[in-house]
């Protein structure tokens, strides 16, 4: 049996389980995020993408992670407040997870296998690594932390046409 992206359930910030099957048919950008990172300002760009394309079947799914320089030390509640007050985020920000190592969230284990990084590495190097997923749940591409959300608009547009 092959595993699909839609087989995963993720914990929401309030502790509920959310099936990724709820996002079937949407183009997704799945991102590990942090509040105290040099890339934190990308929340604004992610929100802009979400606002621009959500009505056409696009969503951003954010997963806070504290594995990189301790840049996401807050509780899930603190993270939610930060995202909504500092960046007016309206896309889903899930519960804090690990993306690397033995305790890595199963979703991110799957994403790293489906879209390895440079030279085939699976390890996520830093916060704001982005995974683009097609409407049918296929992991299409991994983008580095330094890739600004606005630079992904063209590829998201192409995915939305399919």
N, C-alpha and C. Protein backbone atom coordinates (compact mmCIF):
# COMPACT_ATOMS: atom_id res chain seq x y z
N UNK A 1 0.84 -1.19 0.00
CA UNK A 1 0.00 0.00 0.00
C UNK A 1 0.89 1.24 0.00
N UNK A 2 0.63 2.13 -0.92
CA UNK A 2 1.41 3.37 -0.96
C UNK A 2 0.74 4.42 -0.10
N UNK A 3 1.56 5.22 0.53
CA UNK A 3 1.08 6.28 1.40
C UNK A 3 0.88 7.54 0.57
N UNK A 4 -0.18 8.23 0.85
CA UNK A 4 -0.49 9.49 0.19
C UNK A 4 -0.40 10.62 1.22
N UNK A 5 -0.19 11.82 0.75
CA UNK A 5 -0.20 12.99 1.62
C UNK A 5 -1.51 13.05 2.41
N UNK A 6 -2.58 12.60 1.77
CA UNK A 6 -3.90 12.70 2.39
C UNK A 6 -4.14 11.66 3.48
N UNK A 7 -3.19 10.75 3.67
CA UNK A 7 -3.28 9.77 4.76
C UNK A 7 -2.84 10.35 6.10
N UNK A 8 -2.21 11.51 6.08
CA UNK A 8 -1.66 12.07 7.31
C UNK A 8 -2.69 12.90 8.07
N UNK A 9 -2.56 12.85 9.39
CA UNK A 9 -3.31 13.72 10.28
C UNK A 9 -2.30 14.54 11.06
N UNK A 10 -2.58 15.81 11.22
CA UNK A 10 -1.67 16.71 11.92
C UNK A 10 -2.39 17.35 13.09
N UNK A 11 -1.64 17.62 14.13
CA UNK A 11 -2.22 18.24 15.31
C UNK A 11 -2.33 19.75 15.11
N UNK A 12 -3.53 20.25 15.34
CA UNK A 12 -3.75 21.70 15.26
C UNK A 12 -3.19 22.35 16.53
N UNK A 13 -3.12 23.66 16.52
CA UNK A 13 -2.56 24.38 17.67
C UNK A 13 -3.37 24.15 18.93
N UNK A 14 -4.67 23.83 18.78
CA UNK A 14 -5.49 23.59 19.97
C UNK A 14 -5.58 22.10 20.33
N UNK A 15 -4.73 21.28 19.71
CA UNK A 15 -4.61 19.88 20.10
C UNK A 15 -5.52 18.91 19.38
N UNK A 16 -6.31 19.39 18.44
CA UNK A 16 -7.19 18.50 17.66
C UNK A 16 -6.41 17.88 16.51
N UNK A 17 -6.88 16.76 16.00
CA UNK A 17 -6.27 16.16 14.81
C UNK A 17 -7.02 16.64 13.58
N UNK A 18 -6.27 17.04 12.57
CA UNK A 18 -6.83 17.54 11.31
C UNK A 18 -6.29 16.65 10.19
N UNK A 19 -7.18 16.05 9.44
CA UNK A 19 -6.78 15.20 8.33
C UNK A 19 -6.36 16.07 7.14
N UNK A 20 -5.24 15.72 6.53
CA UNK A 20 -4.84 16.46 5.33
C UNK A 20 -5.75 16.12 4.15
N UNK A 21 -6.56 15.08 4.28
CA UNK A 21 -7.56 14.78 3.25
C UNK A 21 -8.55 15.94 3.11
N UNK A 22 -8.67 16.74 4.17
CA UNK A 22 -9.54 17.92 4.10
C UNK A 22 -9.05 18.93 3.07
N UNK A 23 -7.79 18.81 2.66
CA UNK A 23 -7.20 19.74 1.69
C UNK A 23 -7.10 19.13 0.29
N UNK A 24 -7.68 17.94 0.10
CA UNK A 24 -7.64 17.29 -1.22
C UNK A 24 -8.23 18.24 -2.26
N UNK A 25 -7.58 18.30 -3.40
CA UNK A 25 -8.04 19.17 -4.48
C UNK A 25 -7.46 20.57 -4.45
N UNK A 26 -6.71 20.88 -3.39
CA UNK A 26 -6.07 22.19 -3.29
C UNK A 26 -4.58 22.08 -3.60
N UNK A 27 -4.02 23.13 -4.12
CA UNK A 27 -2.57 23.27 -4.21
C UNK A 27 -2.11 23.74 -2.84
N UNK A 28 -1.10 23.08 -2.30
CA UNK A 28 -0.63 23.40 -0.95
C UNK A 28 0.83 23.85 -0.95
N UNK A 29 1.12 24.77 -0.06
CA UNK A 29 2.51 25.12 0.25
C UNK A 29 2.68 24.83 1.73
N UNK A 30 3.46 23.79 2.04
CA UNK A 30 3.67 23.34 3.41
C UNK A 30 5.03 23.86 3.86
N UNK A 31 5.05 24.58 4.99
CA UNK A 31 6.23 25.33 5.41
C UNK A 31 6.52 25.11 6.89
N UNK A 32 7.79 24.86 7.24
CA UNK A 32 8.17 24.88 8.66
C UNK A 32 8.56 26.32 8.99
N UNK A 33 8.00 26.84 10.07
CA UNK A 33 8.11 28.27 10.38
C UNK A 33 8.66 28.50 11.79
N UNK A 34 9.06 29.74 12.05
CA UNK A 34 9.54 30.14 13.38
C UNK A 34 9.37 31.65 13.54
N UNK A 35 9.13 32.06 14.79
CA UNK A 35 8.84 33.46 15.09
C UNK A 35 10.06 34.34 15.27
N UNK A 36 11.21 33.73 15.55
CA UNK A 36 12.41 34.52 15.85
C UNK A 36 13.55 34.20 14.89
N UNK A 37 13.22 34.09 13.65
CA UNK A 37 14.17 33.68 12.61
C UNK A 37 14.42 34.86 11.68
N UNK A 38 15.56 34.87 11.04
CA UNK A 38 15.84 35.89 10.06
C UNK A 38 14.87 35.86 8.89
N UNK A 39 14.19 34.73 8.70
CA UNK A 39 13.22 34.60 7.62
C UNK A 39 11.79 34.81 8.08
N UNK A 40 11.58 35.15 9.35
CA UNK A 40 10.23 35.29 9.90
C UNK A 40 9.39 36.27 9.09
N UNK A 41 10.02 37.29 8.52
CA UNK A 41 9.28 38.26 7.71
C UNK A 41 8.57 37.61 6.53
N UNK A 42 8.96 36.36 6.20
CA UNK A 42 8.28 35.66 5.10
C UNK A 42 6.82 35.34 5.42
N UNK A 43 6.44 35.41 6.71
CA UNK A 43 5.03 35.26 7.04
C UNK A 43 4.18 36.22 6.20
N UNK A 44 4.66 37.44 6.01
CA UNK A 44 3.92 38.43 5.23
C UNK A 44 3.73 37.96 3.79
N UNK A 45 4.78 37.44 3.20
CA UNK A 45 4.69 36.93 1.83
C UNK A 45 3.82 35.70 1.72
N UNK A 46 3.88 34.82 2.72
CA UNK A 46 3.03 33.64 2.72
C UNK A 46 1.56 34.06 2.82
N UNK A 47 1.29 35.04 3.67
CA UNK A 47 -0.08 35.54 3.81
C UNK A 47 -0.55 36.17 2.50
N UNK A 48 0.33 36.88 1.82
CA UNK A 48 -0.04 37.49 0.54
C UNK A 48 -0.38 36.41 -0.49
N UNK A 49 0.42 35.35 -0.56
CA UNK A 49 0.10 34.25 -1.48
C UNK A 49 -1.26 33.64 -1.13
N UNK A 50 -1.47 33.43 0.16
CA UNK A 50 -2.73 32.83 0.61
C UNK A 50 -3.92 33.70 0.21
N UNK A 51 -3.82 34.99 0.46
CA UNK A 51 -4.91 35.91 0.11
C UNK A 51 -5.15 35.95 -1.40
N UNK A 52 -4.07 35.94 -2.16
CA UNK A 52 -4.18 36.03 -3.61
C UNK A 52 -4.81 34.79 -4.23
N UNK A 53 -4.42 33.62 -3.76
CA UNK A 53 -4.79 32.38 -4.44
C UNK A 53 -5.79 31.48 -3.70
N UNK A 54 -6.11 31.80 -2.46
CA UNK A 54 -6.98 30.90 -1.69
C UNK A 54 -8.32 30.66 -2.39
N UNK A 55 -8.89 31.68 -2.96
CA UNK A 55 -10.17 31.55 -3.64
C UNK A 55 -10.12 30.65 -4.87
N UNK A 56 -8.91 30.37 -5.34
CA UNK A 56 -8.73 29.50 -6.51
C UNK A 56 -8.30 28.08 -6.11
N UNK A 57 -8.29 27.80 -4.80
CA UNK A 57 -7.95 26.44 -4.38
C UNK A 57 -6.52 26.27 -3.91
N UNK A 58 -5.99 27.26 -3.22
CA UNK A 58 -4.62 27.21 -2.70
C UNK A 58 -4.65 27.44 -1.20
N UNK A 59 -3.76 26.75 -0.50
CA UNK A 59 -3.62 27.01 0.93
C UNK A 59 -2.16 26.88 1.35
N UNK A 60 -1.81 27.63 2.37
CA UNK A 60 -0.53 27.53 3.04
C UNK A 60 -0.79 26.77 4.34
N UNK A 61 0.04 25.78 4.64
CA UNK A 61 -0.04 25.06 5.91
C UNK A 61 1.29 25.26 6.62
N UNK A 62 1.26 25.93 7.77
CA UNK A 62 2.48 26.27 8.49
C UNK A 62 2.65 25.37 9.71
N UNK A 63 3.89 24.95 9.93
CA UNK A 63 4.23 24.07 11.04
C UNK A 63 5.40 24.66 11.81
N UNK A 64 5.13 25.28 12.96
CA UNK A 64 6.21 25.85 13.78
C UNK A 64 7.19 24.77 14.22
N UNK A 65 8.47 25.16 14.26
CA UNK A 65 9.53 24.23 14.62
C UNK A 65 10.61 24.98 15.41
N UNK A 66 11.07 24.37 16.49
CA UNK A 66 12.08 25.00 17.34
C UNK A 66 13.45 24.33 17.21
N UNK A 67 13.67 23.57 16.15
CA UNK A 67 14.91 22.80 16.00
C UNK A 67 16.08 23.60 15.44
N UNK A 68 15.85 24.81 15.01
CA UNK A 68 16.91 25.59 14.37
C UNK A 68 17.21 26.82 15.21
N UNK A 69 18.23 26.72 16.03
CA UNK A 69 18.66 27.85 16.85
C UNK A 69 17.65 28.26 17.91
N UNK A 70 16.73 27.38 18.28
CA UNK A 70 15.74 27.71 19.30
C UNK A 70 14.90 28.92 18.93
N UNK A 71 14.57 29.05 17.64
CA UNK A 71 13.90 30.25 17.15
C UNK A 71 12.38 30.21 17.23
N UNK A 72 11.85 29.13 17.82
CA UNK A 72 10.40 29.06 18.05
C UNK A 72 10.15 28.49 19.45
N UNK A 73 10.53 29.26 20.49
CA UNK A 73 10.44 28.75 21.86
C UNK A 73 9.05 28.78 22.48
N UNK A 74 8.13 29.53 21.89
CA UNK A 74 6.82 29.74 22.51
C UNK A 74 5.91 28.53 22.48
N UNK A 75 4.85 28.60 23.26
CA UNK A 75 3.80 27.59 23.24
C UNK A 75 2.97 27.76 21.98
N UNK A 76 2.12 26.79 21.69
CA UNK A 76 1.24 26.91 20.53
C UNK A 76 0.36 28.15 20.62
N UNK A 77 -0.10 28.46 21.81
CA UNK A 77 -0.94 29.65 22.00
C UNK A 77 -0.15 30.93 21.71
N UNK A 78 1.07 31.01 22.20
CA UNK A 78 1.93 32.18 21.96
C UNK A 78 2.20 32.33 20.46
N UNK A 79 2.45 31.21 19.80
CA UNK A 79 2.73 31.23 18.35
C UNK A 79 1.51 31.74 17.58
N UNK A 80 0.33 31.25 17.93
CA UNK A 80 -0.89 31.70 17.24
C UNK A 80 -1.08 33.20 17.41
N UNK A 81 -0.88 33.69 18.63
CA UNK A 81 -1.03 35.12 18.89
C UNK A 81 -0.02 35.93 18.09
N UNK A 82 1.23 35.47 18.06
CA UNK A 82 2.27 36.15 17.29
C UNK A 82 1.86 36.24 15.82
N UNK A 83 1.46 35.11 15.25
CA UNK A 83 1.12 35.08 13.82
C UNK A 83 -0.04 36.00 13.49
N UNK A 84 -1.05 36.00 14.33
CA UNK A 84 -2.23 36.82 14.03
C UNK A 84 -2.00 38.30 14.29
N UNK A 85 -1.24 38.63 15.32
CA UNK A 85 -1.06 40.06 15.63
C UNK A 85 0.08 40.70 14.84
N UNK A 86 1.16 39.98 14.63
CA UNK A 86 2.31 40.57 13.93
C UNK A 86 2.19 40.50 12.41
N UNK A 87 1.54 39.45 11.90
CA UNK A 87 1.49 39.26 10.45
C UNK A 87 0.08 39.04 9.90
N UNK A 88 -0.93 39.15 10.76
CA UNK A 88 -2.33 38.98 10.34
C UNK A 88 -2.54 37.69 9.55
N UNK A 89 -1.88 36.63 9.98
CA UNK A 89 -1.95 35.34 9.32
C UNK A 89 -3.37 34.77 9.45
N UNK A 90 -3.92 34.33 8.32
CA UNK A 90 -5.23 33.69 8.33
C UNK A 90 -5.16 32.25 7.81
N UNK A 91 -4.01 31.80 7.35
CA UNK A 91 -3.85 30.40 6.94
C UNK A 91 -3.58 29.54 8.17
N UNK A 92 -3.78 28.22 8.07
CA UNK A 92 -3.60 27.35 9.23
C UNK A 92 -2.15 27.29 9.72
N UNK A 93 -1.98 27.52 11.01
CA UNK A 93 -0.68 27.34 11.68
C UNK A 93 -0.91 26.21 12.69
N UNK A 94 -0.30 25.09 12.44
CA UNK A 94 -0.52 23.88 13.22
C UNK A 94 0.30 23.91 14.51
N UNK A 95 0.22 22.82 15.28
CA UNK A 95 1.00 22.68 16.51
C UNK A 95 2.49 22.57 16.19
N UNK A 96 3.30 22.97 17.13
CA UNK A 96 4.75 22.92 16.98
C UNK A 96 5.21 21.47 16.84
N UNK A 97 6.15 21.24 15.92
CA UNK A 97 6.64 19.89 15.63
C UNK A 97 8.16 19.92 15.47
N UNK A 98 8.74 18.73 15.32
CA UNK A 98 10.11 18.57 14.87
C UNK A 98 10.07 18.12 13.41
N UNK A 99 11.01 18.59 12.62
CA UNK A 99 11.05 18.22 11.21
C UNK A 99 12.23 17.31 10.87
N UNK A 100 13.19 17.21 11.77
CA UNK A 100 14.38 16.37 11.57
C UNK A 100 14.56 15.44 12.76
N UNK A 101 15.37 14.41 12.55
CA UNK A 101 15.74 13.52 13.64
C UNK A 101 14.71 12.44 13.92
N UNK A 102 14.97 11.70 14.99
CA UNK A 102 14.14 10.56 15.35
C UNK A 102 12.70 10.97 15.65
N UNK A 103 12.52 12.15 16.22
CA UNK A 103 11.18 12.61 16.59
C UNK A 103 10.51 13.43 15.51
N UNK A 104 11.01 13.36 14.28
CA UNK A 104 10.44 14.17 13.20
C UNK A 104 8.99 13.77 12.95
N UNK A 105 8.16 14.75 12.72
CA UNK A 105 6.76 14.52 12.41
C UNK A 105 6.66 13.64 11.16
N UNK A 106 5.76 12.65 11.16
CA UNK A 106 5.62 11.77 10.00
C UNK A 106 5.35 12.50 8.69
N UNK A 107 4.59 13.58 8.74
CA UNK A 107 4.34 14.34 7.52
C UNK A 107 5.65 14.84 6.92
N UNK A 108 6.51 15.40 7.77
CA UNK A 108 7.78 15.93 7.25
C UNK A 108 8.74 14.83 6.85
N UNK A 109 8.67 13.67 7.48
CA UNK A 109 9.46 12.53 7.01
C UNK A 109 9.04 12.20 5.57
N UNK A 110 7.75 12.18 5.34
CA UNK A 110 7.21 11.90 4.01
C UNK A 110 7.62 12.97 3.00
N UNK A 111 7.44 14.23 3.35
CA UNK A 111 7.78 15.33 2.44
C UNK A 111 9.25 15.28 2.03
N UNK A 112 10.13 14.99 2.98
CA UNK A 112 11.58 14.97 2.71
C UNK A 112 11.95 13.83 1.77
N UNK A 113 11.24 12.71 1.85
CA UNK A 113 11.48 11.60 0.93
C UNK A 113 10.98 11.95 -0.46
N UNK A 114 9.80 12.55 -0.52
CA UNK A 114 9.17 12.89 -1.80
C UNK A 114 9.92 14.00 -2.55
N UNK A 115 10.49 14.94 -1.82
CA UNK A 115 11.19 16.07 -2.44
C UNK A 115 12.49 16.33 -1.67
N UNK A 116 13.51 15.51 -1.95
CA UNK A 116 14.79 15.72 -1.24
C UNK A 116 15.41 17.06 -1.61
N UNK A 117 16.31 17.50 -0.76
CA UNK A 117 17.00 18.76 -0.98
C UNK A 117 18.18 18.62 -1.91
N UNK A 118 19.03 19.59 -1.87
CA UNK A 118 20.23 19.65 -2.70
C UNK A 118 21.05 18.38 -2.54
N UNK A 119 21.46 17.82 -3.64
CA UNK A 119 22.27 16.60 -3.68
C UNK A 119 21.56 15.41 -3.04
N UNK A 120 20.23 15.44 -3.04
CA UNK A 120 19.46 14.32 -2.53
C UNK A 120 19.35 14.22 -1.02
N UNK A 121 19.81 15.26 -0.31
CA UNK A 121 19.72 15.21 1.15
C UNK A 121 18.27 15.33 1.59
N UNK A 122 17.94 14.63 2.67
CA UNK A 122 16.58 14.71 3.17
C UNK A 122 16.46 15.71 4.32
N UNK A 123 17.53 15.97 5.00
CA UNK A 123 17.47 16.87 6.16
C UNK A 123 17.01 18.26 5.74
N UNK A 124 16.12 18.83 6.56
CA UNK A 124 15.73 20.22 6.35
C UNK A 124 16.81 21.07 7.01
N UNK A 125 17.30 22.05 6.28
CA UNK A 125 18.44 22.84 6.73
C UNK A 125 18.06 23.98 7.68
N UNK A 126 16.85 24.55 7.52
CA UNK A 126 16.50 25.70 8.35
C UNK A 126 14.99 25.95 8.28
N UNK A 127 14.55 26.91 9.06
CA UNK A 127 13.14 27.33 9.05
C UNK A 127 12.77 27.90 7.68
N UNK A 128 11.50 27.83 7.38
CA UNK A 128 10.91 28.37 6.15
C UNK A 128 11.33 27.60 4.90
N UNK A 129 11.62 26.29 5.07
CA UNK A 129 11.71 25.39 3.93
C UNK A 129 10.28 25.14 3.47
N UNK A 130 10.07 25.15 2.16
CA UNK A 130 8.72 25.10 1.61
C UNK A 130 8.57 23.90 0.68
N UNK A 131 7.42 23.22 0.80
CA UNK A 131 7.11 22.09 -0.08
C UNK A 131 5.83 22.42 -0.84
N UNK A 132 5.90 22.35 -2.17
CA UNK A 132 4.75 22.62 -3.02
C UNK A 132 4.08 21.31 -3.38
N UNK A 133 2.77 21.24 -3.18
CA UNK A 133 1.99 20.02 -3.41
C UNK A 133 0.89 20.32 -4.41
N UNK A 134 0.73 19.41 -5.39
CA UNK A 134 -0.28 19.59 -6.43
C UNK A 134 -1.68 19.29 -5.89
N UNK A 135 -2.68 19.60 -6.70
CA UNK A 135 -4.08 19.36 -6.33
C UNK A 135 -4.36 17.89 -6.04
N UNK A 136 -3.58 16.98 -6.63
CA UNK A 136 -3.81 15.55 -6.41
C UNK A 136 -2.91 14.98 -5.31
N UNK A 137 -2.23 15.85 -4.57
CA UNK A 137 -1.43 15.41 -3.43
C UNK A 137 0.00 15.04 -3.75
N UNK A 138 0.44 15.27 -4.96
CA UNK A 138 1.82 14.96 -5.33
C UNK A 138 2.75 16.07 -4.85
N UNK A 139 3.82 15.68 -4.13
CA UNK A 139 4.81 16.66 -3.69
C UNK A 139 5.67 16.99 -4.91
N UNK A 140 5.58 18.23 -5.36
CA UNK A 140 6.21 18.63 -6.62
C UNK A 140 7.64 19.13 -6.44
N UNK A 141 7.86 19.93 -5.40
CA UNK A 141 9.15 20.62 -5.30
C UNK A 141 9.38 21.11 -3.89
N UNK A 142 10.67 21.17 -3.54
CA UNK A 142 11.10 21.76 -2.27
C UNK A 142 11.80 23.07 -2.58
N UNK A 143 11.50 24.09 -1.79
CA UNK A 143 12.14 25.40 -1.94
C UNK A 143 12.89 25.73 -0.65
N UNK A 144 14.03 26.36 -0.80
CA UNK A 144 14.89 26.69 0.34
C UNK A 144 14.33 27.86 1.15
N UNK A 145 14.85 27.99 2.33
CA UNK A 145 14.46 29.09 3.23
C UNK A 145 14.62 30.45 2.57
N UNK A 146 15.68 30.61 1.83
CA UNK A 146 15.98 31.91 1.22
C UNK A 146 15.03 32.25 0.06
N UNK A 147 14.28 31.27 -0.44
CA UNK A 147 13.33 31.54 -1.53
C UNK A 147 12.14 32.31 -0.98
N UNK A 148 12.01 33.55 -1.40
CA UNK A 148 10.92 34.40 -0.95
C UNK A 148 9.59 33.86 -1.46
N UNK A 149 8.55 33.92 -0.65
CA UNK A 149 7.25 33.44 -1.10
C UNK A 149 6.81 34.06 -2.43
N UNK A 150 7.07 35.34 -2.64
CA UNK A 150 6.64 36.00 -3.88
C UNK A 150 7.28 35.36 -5.11
N UNK A 151 8.45 34.75 -4.96
CA UNK A 151 9.12 34.11 -6.09
C UNK A 151 8.42 32.82 -6.51
N UNK A 152 7.49 32.34 -5.70
CA UNK A 152 6.78 31.09 -6.02
C UNK A 152 5.46 31.34 -6.73
N UNK A 153 5.08 32.59 -6.89
CA UNK A 153 3.77 32.92 -7.47
C UNK A 153 3.57 32.27 -8.84
N UNK A 154 4.57 32.31 -9.69
CA UNK A 154 4.44 31.75 -11.04
C UNK A 154 4.18 30.24 -11.03
N UNK A 155 4.91 29.52 -10.22
CA UNK A 155 4.75 28.07 -10.16
C UNK A 155 3.42 27.71 -9.50
N UNK A 156 2.98 28.50 -8.54
CA UNK A 156 1.66 28.28 -7.92
C UNK A 156 0.57 28.52 -8.96
N UNK A 157 0.71 29.58 -9.73
CA UNK A 157 -0.25 29.87 -10.81
C UNK A 157 -0.36 28.68 -11.75
N UNK A 158 0.78 28.12 -12.16
CA UNK A 158 0.78 26.98 -13.07
C UNK A 158 0.06 25.79 -12.45
N UNK A 159 0.31 25.52 -11.17
CA UNK A 159 -0.35 24.41 -10.48
C UNK A 159 -1.85 24.61 -10.39
N UNK A 160 -2.28 25.84 -10.22
CA UNK A 160 -3.71 26.12 -10.11
C UNK A 160 -4.45 25.92 -11.43
N UNK A 161 -3.73 25.97 -12.56
CA UNK A 161 -4.34 25.79 -13.86
C UNK A 161 -4.64 24.32 -14.16
N UNK A 162 -3.98 23.42 -13.44
CA UNK A 162 -4.13 21.98 -13.70
C UNK A 162 -5.33 21.44 -12.97
